[in-house]
């Protein structure tokens, strides 16, 4: 049972308390936060580098996605 999420899987398999089943290890939180922040960065770069021919709705949509993934990353780390 070696792998990136082996610590969480081992913890979930040995725990009988339902609260413990929903807690993540630090590594899982960091990976999830990094993924969300990476997506957020990608969407913000797309938003900033979009040319003037791009529609206003596209600009708003990519900015909204960047903001949503940034908030999800923060929530993933704190919750």
C-alpha atoms as a PDB file:
ATOM      1  CA  UNK A   1       0.000   0.000   0.000  1.00  0.00           C
ATOM      2  CA  UNK A   2       2.466   2.588  -1.105  1.00  0.00           C
ATOM      3  CA  UNK A   3       1.359   5.656  -2.939  1.00  0.00           C
ATOM      4  CA  UNK A   4       0.473   9.278  -2.698  1.00  0.00           C
ATOM      5  CA  UNK A   5      -2.693   8.774  -0.644  1.00  0.00           C
ATOM      6  CA  UNK A   6      -1.658   5.668   1.301  1.00  0.00           C
ATOM      7  CA  UNK A   7      -1.691   7.576   4.590  1.00  0.00           C
ATOM      8  CA  UNK A   8      -5.334   8.595   4.166  1.00  0.00           C
ATOM      9  CA  UNK A   9      -6.404   5.164   2.985  1.00  0.00           C
ATOM     10  CA  UNK A  10      -4.734   3.460   5.950  1.00  0.00           C
ATOM     11  CA  UNK A  11      -6.284   5.963   8.317  1.00  0.00           C
ATOM     12  CA  UNK A  12      -9.750   5.466   6.823  1.00  0.00           C
ATOM     13  CA  UNK A  13      -9.501   1.677   6.926  1.00  0.00           C
ATOM     14  CA  UNK A  14      -8.504   1.476  10.590  1.00  0.00           C
ATOM     15  CA  UNK A  15     -10.831   4.140  11.934  1.00  0.00           C
ATOM     16  CA  UNK A  16     -14.274   3.404  13.321  1.00  0.00           C
ATOM     17  CA  UNK A  17     -15.195   6.941  14.243  1.00  0.00           C
ATOM     18  CA  UNK A  18     -17.095   8.744  11.459  1.00  0.00           C
ATOM     19  CA  UNK A  19     -15.362  12.041  12.203  1.00  0.00           C
ATOM     20  CA  UNK A  20     -11.959  10.456  11.570  1.00  0.00           C
ATOM     21  CA  UNK A  21     -13.112   9.186   8.173  1.00  0.00           C
ATOM     22  CA  UNK A  22     -13.512  12.737   6.894  1.00  0.00           C
ATOM     23  CA  UNK A  23     -10.206  14.129   8.125  1.00  0.00           C
ATOM     24  CA  UNK A  24      -7.366  14.359   5.630  1.00  0.00           C
ATOM     25  CA  UNK A  25      -3.666  14.139   6.270  1.00  0.00           C
ATOM     26  CA  UNK A  26      -1.451  17.150   5.608  1.00  0.00           C
ATOM     27  CA  UNK A  27      -0.096  15.670   2.373  1.00  0.00           C
ATOM     28  CA  UNK A  28      -3.613  15.250   0.961  1.00  0.00           C
ATOM     29  CA  UNK A  29      -4.518  18.819   1.858  1.00  0.00           C
ATOM     30  CA  UNK A  30      -1.349  20.170   0.273  1.00  0.00           C
ATOM     31  CA  UNK A  31      -1.886  18.200  -2.946  1.00  0.00           C
ATOM     32  CA  UNK A  32      -5.509  19.343  -3.173  1.00  0.00           C
ATOM     33  CA  UNK A  33      -4.605  22.946  -2.426  1.00  0.00           C
ATOM     34  CA  UNK A  34      -1.793  22.874  -4.967  1.00  0.00           C
ATOM     35  CA  UNK A  35      -4.085  21.486  -7.650  1.00  0.00           C
ATOM     36  CA  UNK A  36      -6.743  24.128  -7.032  1.00  0.00           C
ATOM     37  CA  UNK A  37      -4.217  26.959  -6.943  1.00  0.00           C
ATOM     38  CA  UNK A  38      -2.589  25.639 -10.112  1.00  0.00           C
ATOM     39  CA  UNK A  39      -5.934  25.702 -11.918  1.00  0.00           C
ATOM     40  CA  UNK A  40      -6.601  29.165 -10.551  1.00  0.00           C
ATOM     41  CA  UNK A  41      -3.243  30.399 -11.835  1.00  0.00           C
ATOM     42  CA  UNK A  42      -3.915  28.864 -15.254  1.00  0.00           C
ATOM     43  CA  UNK A  43      -7.279  30.616 -15.577  1.00  0.00           C
ATOM     44  CA  UNK A  44      -5.873  33.956 -14.412  1.00  0.00           C
ATOM     45  CA  UNK A  45      -3.057  33.714 -16.974  1.00  0.00           C
ATOM     46  CA  UNK A  46      -5.603  32.908 -19.676  1.00  0.00           C
ATOM     47  CA  UNK A  47      -7.662  35.872 -18.551  1.00  0.00           C
ATOM     48  CA  UNK A  48      -4.721  38.283 -18.661  1.00  0.00           C
ATOM     49  CA  UNK A  49      -3.319  37.065 -21.993  1.00  0.00           C
ATOM     50  CA  UNK A  50      -6.603  36.993 -23.896  1.00  0.00           C
ATOM     51  CA  UNK A  51      -6.492  39.304 -26.871  1.00  0.00           C
ATOM     52  CA  UNK A  52      -8.771  42.265 -27.481  1.00  0.00           C
ATOM     53  CA  UNK A  53     -10.813  40.228 -29.968  1.00  0.00           C
ATOM     54  CA  UNK A  54     -12.014  37.978 -27.143  1.00  0.00           C
ATOM     55  CA  UNK A  55     -15.553  38.644 -26.013  1.00  0.00           C
ATOM     56  CA  UNK A  56     -16.351  40.266 -22.699  1.00  0.00           C
ATOM     57  CA  UNK A  57     -18.262  37.169 -21.559  1.00  0.00           C
ATOM     58  CA  UNK A  58     -15.127  35.049 -22.096  1.00  0.00           C
ATOM     59  CA  UNK A  59     -13.084  37.464 -19.966  1.00  0.00           C
ATOM     60  CA  UNK A  60     -15.664  37.366 -17.195  1.00  0.00           C
ATOM     61  CA  UNK A  61     -15.980  33.573 -17.351  1.00  0.00           C
ATOM     62  CA  UNK A  62     -12.235  32.937 -17.073  1.00  0.00           C
ATOM     63  CA  UNK A  63     -11.906  35.491 -14.255  1.00  0.00           C
ATOM     64  CA  UNK A  64     -14.805  33.829 -12.422  1.00  0.00           C
ATOM     65  CA  UNK A  65     -13.219  30.393 -12.835  1.00  0.00           C
ATOM     66  CA  UNK A  66      -9.880  31.683 -11.567  1.00  0.00           C
ATOM     67  CA  UNK A  67     -11.547  33.204  -8.521  1.00  0.00           C
ATOM     68  CA  UNK A  68     -13.627  30.082  -7.860  1.00  0.00           C
ATOM     69  CA  UNK A  69     -10.598  27.774  -7.972  1.00  0.00           C
ATOM     70  CA  UNK A  70      -8.598  30.122  -5.739  1.00  0.00           C
ATOM     71  CA  UNK A  71     -11.386  30.105  -3.162  1.00  0.00           C
ATOM     72  CA  UNK A  72     -11.679  26.321  -3.470  1.00  0.00           C
ATOM     73  CA  UNK A  73      -7.942  26.000  -2.844  1.00  0.00           C
ATOM     74  CA  UNK A  74      -8.141  28.140   0.268  1.00  0.00           C
ATOM     75  CA  UNK A  75     -11.164  26.210   1.497  1.00  0.00           C
ATOM     76  CA  UNK A  76      -9.441  22.898   0.762  1.00  0.00           C
ATOM     77  CA  UNK A  77      -6.511  23.865   2.947  1.00  0.00           C
ATOM     78  CA  UNK A  78      -8.531  25.312   5.826  1.00  0.00           C
ATOM     79  CA  UNK A  79     -11.452  22.881   5.999  1.00  0.00           C
END
